[in-house]
Amino acid sequence: VFYNLDPDGTRLTTLAARAGITHQSMGELVTSLIELGYLARRPDPADRRARLIVLTGKGRRAVRVARAAVADIDREWIARLRAAGIRGDIRAALAASLEQARGDR
């Protein structure tokens, strides 16, 4: 959910589409995260009938912690791969490999 949120909030249907899951499944996830205090629903200024899902202060703190942890993991793996003699833009190579694997299905 957090990965698919826009900075100013995102509609539930958009979140579901980006995650590749049903509207109902995303609704359940969002409701749970609202109950835990990570997300909130706000009126969409572009369409007052619609609602946007937004991060709360607690949610923003959790995203910062998660991003820092992922950055630490990235640095550790890059160091290990380079120590093993692998050079170049490792992140780009992995992304290209994943894209190729998706195309091979």
C-alpha atoms as a PDB file:
ATOM      1  CA  VAL A   1       0.000   0.000   0.000  1.00  0.00           C
ATOM      2  CA  PHE A   2       2.668   2.502   1.029  1.00  0.00           C
ATOM      3  CA  TYR A   3       4.673   1.988  -2.168  1.00  0.00           C
ATOM      4  CA  ASN A   4       1.650   2.906  -4.297  1.00  0.00           C
ATOM      5  CA  LEU A   5       0.597   6.072  -2.445  1.00  0.00           C
ATOM      6  CA  ASP A   6       1.098   9.442  -4.096  1.00  0.00           C
ATOM      7  CA  PRO A   7       2.445  12.236  -1.842  1.00  0.00           C
ATOM      8  CA  ASP A   8      -0.920  14.045  -1.817  1.00  0.00           C
ATOM      9  CA  GLY A   9      -2.995  10.864  -1.441  1.00  0.00           C
ATOM     10  CA  THR A  10      -4.449   8.291  -3.791  1.00  0.00           C
ATOM     11  CA  ARG A  11      -7.912   6.930  -4.470  1.00  0.00           C
ATOM     12  CA  LEU A  12      -8.568   3.371  -3.362  1.00  0.00           C
ATOM     13  CA  THR A  13      -9.332   2.203  -6.901  1.00  0.00           C
ATOM     14  CA  THR A  14      -5.971   3.548  -8.086  1.00  0.00           C
ATOM     15  CA  LEU A  15      -4.149   1.825  -5.216  1.00  0.00           C
ATOM     16  CA  ALA A  16      -5.824  -1.477  -6.091  1.00  0.00           C
ATOM     17  CA  ALA A  17      -4.950  -1.138  -9.790  1.00  0.00           C
ATOM     18  CA  ARG A  18      -1.320  -0.276  -9.057  1.00  0.00           C
ATOM     19  CA  ALA A  19      -0.982  -3.237  -6.693  1.00  0.00           C
ATOM     20  CA  GLY A  20      -2.772  -5.582  -9.083  1.00  0.00           C
ATOM     21  CA  ILE A  21      -5.386  -6.636  -6.527  1.00  0.00           C
ATOM     22  CA  THR A  22      -9.134  -6.215  -6.230  1.00  0.00           C
ATOM     23  CA  HIS A  23     -10.771  -3.077  -4.918  1.00  0.00           C
ATOM     24  CA  GLN A  24     -12.208  -5.143  -2.050  1.00  0.00           C
ATOM     25  CA  SER A  25      -8.813  -6.565  -1.047  1.00  0.00           C
ATOM     26  CA  MET A  26      -7.213  -3.131  -1.097  1.00  0.00           C
ATOM     27  CA  GLY A  27     -10.142  -1.809   0.927  1.00  0.00           C
ATOM     28  CA  GLU A  28      -9.482  -4.395   3.621  1.00  0.00           C
ATOM     29  CA  LEU A  29      -5.768  -3.573   3.713  1.00  0.00           C
ATOM     30  CA  VAL A  30      -6.434   0.152   3.879  1.00  0.00           C
ATOM     31  CA  THR A  31      -9.051  -0.260   6.615  1.00  0.00           C
ATOM     32  CA  SER A  32      -6.581  -2.287   8.703  1.00  0.00           C
ATOM     33  CA  LEU A  33      -3.850   0.322   8.227  1.00  0.00           C
ATOM     34  CA  ILE A  34      -6.294   3.095   9.141  1.00  0.00           C
ATOM     35  CA  GLU A  35      -7.210   1.226  12.324  1.00  0.00           C
ATOM     36  CA  LEU A  36      -3.492   0.910  13.133  1.00  0.00           C
ATOM     37  CA  GLY A  37      -3.028   4.656  12.603  1.00  0.00           C
ATOM     38  CA  TYR A  38      -0.808   4.557   9.494  1.00  0.00           C
ATOM     39  CA  LEU A  39      -3.354   5.863   6.970  1.00  0.00           C
ATOM     40  CA  ALA A  40      -6.384   8.157   6.888  1.00  0.00           C
ATOM     41  CA  ARG A  41      -9.185   8.916   4.446  1.00  0.00           C
ATOM     42  CA  ARG A  42      -9.597  12.528   3.299  1.00  0.00           C
ATOM     43  CA  PRO A  43     -11.969  14.187   0.811  1.00  0.00           C
ATOM     44  CA  ASP A  44     -10.466  14.541  -2.663  1.00  0.00           C
ATOM     45  CA  PRO A  45     -10.232  18.292  -3.393  1.00  0.00           C
ATOM     46  CA  ALA A  46     -10.789  17.545  -7.110  1.00  0.00           C
ATOM     47  CA  ASP A  47     -14.036  15.665  -6.384  1.00  0.00           C
ATOM     48  CA  ARG A  48     -15.532  16.102  -2.920  1.00  0.00           C
ATOM     49  CA  ARG A  49     -17.542  12.883  -3.360  1.00  0.00           C
ATOM     50  CA  ALA A  50     -14.333  10.856  -3.672  1.00  0.00           C
ATOM     51  CA  ARG A  51     -11.896  10.021  -0.882  1.00  0.00           C
ATOM     52  CA  LEU A  52      -8.112   9.960  -0.901  1.00  0.00           C
ATOM     53  CA  ILE A  53      -5.996   7.597   1.148  1.00  0.00           C
ATOM     54  CA  VAL A  54      -3.159   9.540   2.819  1.00  0.00           C
ATOM     55  CA  LEU A  55      -0.322   8.802   5.211  1.00  0.00           C
ATOM     56  CA  THR A  56      -0.664   9.956   8.804  1.00  0.00           C
ATOM     57  CA  GLY A  57       2.320  11.161  10.834  1.00  0.00           C
ATOM     58  CA  LYS A  58       2.774   7.600  12.079  1.00  0.00           C
ATOM     59  CA  GLY A  59       2.630   6.347   8.483  1.00  0.00           C
ATOM     60  CA  ARG A  60       5.240   8.857   7.301  1.00  0.00           C
ATOM     61  CA  ARG A  61       7.558   7.795  10.134  1.00  0.00           C
ATOM     62  CA  ALA A  62       7.086   4.121   9.217  1.00  0.00           C
ATOM     63  CA  VAL A  63       7.886   4.844   5.559  1.00  0.00           C
ATOM     64  CA  ARG A  64      11.074   6.708   6.555  1.00  0.00           C
ATOM     65  CA  VAL A  65      12.184   3.778   8.739  1.00  0.00           C
ATOM     66  CA  ALA A  66      11.392   1.274   5.965  1.00  0.00           C
ATOM     67  CA  ARG A  67      13.257   3.301   3.329  1.00  0.00           C
ATOM     68  CA  ALA A  68      16.309   3.540   5.590  1.00  0.00           C
ATOM     69  CA  ALA A  69      16.217  -0.221   6.207  1.00  0.00           C
ATOM     70  CA  VAL A  70      15.933  -0.958   2.469  1.00  0.00           C
ATOM     71  CA  ALA A  71      18.829   1.421   1.757  1.00  0.00           C
ATOM     72  CA  ASP A  72      20.945  -0.413   4.349  1.00  0.00           C
ATOM     73  CA  ILE A  73      20.095  -3.770   2.756  1.00  0.00           C
ATOM     74  CA  ASP A  74      20.899  -2.388  -0.712  1.00  0.00           C
ATOM     75  CA  ARG A  75      24.282  -1.095   0.448  1.00  0.00           C
ATOM     76  CA  GLU A  76      25.126  -4.414   2.090  1.00  0.00           C
ATOM     77  CA  TRP A  77      24.233  -6.449  -1.012  1.00  0.00           C
ATOM     78  CA  ILE A  78      26.063  -4.080  -3.344  1.00  0.00           C
ATOM     79  CA  ALA A  79      29.182  -4.401  -1.173  1.00  0.00           C
ATOM     80  CA  ARG A  80      28.891  -8.204  -1.193  1.00  0.00           C
ATOM     81  CA  LEU A  81      28.368  -8.370  -4.956  1.00  0.00           C
ATOM     82  CA  ARG A  82      31.268  -6.022  -5.628  1.00  0.00           C
ATOM     83  CA  ALA A  83      33.474  -8.063  -3.293  1.00  0.00           C
ATOM     84  CA  ALA A  84      32.548 -11.059  -5.438  1.00  0.00           C
ATOM     85  CA  GLY A  85      33.794  -9.191  -8.521  1.00  0.00           C
ATOM     86  CA  ILE A  86      30.480  -7.988  -9.947  1.00  0.00           C
ATOM     87  CA  ARG A  87      30.723  -4.447 -11.338  1.00  0.00           C
ATOM     88  CA  GLY A  88      28.441  -1.900 -12.963  1.00  0.00           C
ATOM     89  CA  ASP A  89      25.006  -0.601 -12.026  1.00  0.00           C
ATOM     90  CA  ILE A  90      23.765  -3.583 -10.044  1.00  0.00           C
ATOM     91  CA  ARG A  91      20.302  -2.144  -9.436  1.00  0.00           C
ATOM     92  CA  ALA A  92      19.756  -1.532 -13.169  1.00  0.00           C
ATOM     93  CA  ALA A  93      20.999  -5.043 -13.998  1.00  0.00           C
ATOM     94  CA  LEU A  94      18.603  -6.606 -11.483  1.00  0.00           C
ATOM     95  CA  ALA A  95      15.685  -4.511 -12.744  1.00  0.00           C
ATOM     96  CA  ALA A  96      16.436  -5.526 -16.335  1.00  0.00           C
ATOM     97  CA  SER A  97      16.659  -9.191 -15.290  1.00  0.00           C
ATOM     98  CA  LEU A  98      13.279  -9.007 -13.545  1.00  0.00           C
ATOM     99  CA  GLU A  99      11.708  -7.338 -16.567  1.00  0.00           C
ATOM    100  CA  GLN A 100      13.110 -10.011 -18.847  1.00  0.00           C
ATOM    101  CA  ALA A 101      11.815 -12.756 -16.537  1.00  0.00           C
ATOM    102  CA  ARG A 102       8.343 -11.205 -16.655  1.00  0.00           C
ATOM    103  CA  GLY A 103       8.463 -11.192 -20.451  1.00  0.00           C
ATOM    104  CA  ASP A 104       9.479 -14.866 -20.527  1.00  0.00           C
ATOM    105  CA  ARG A 105       6.205 -15.985 -18.945  1.00  0.00           C
END
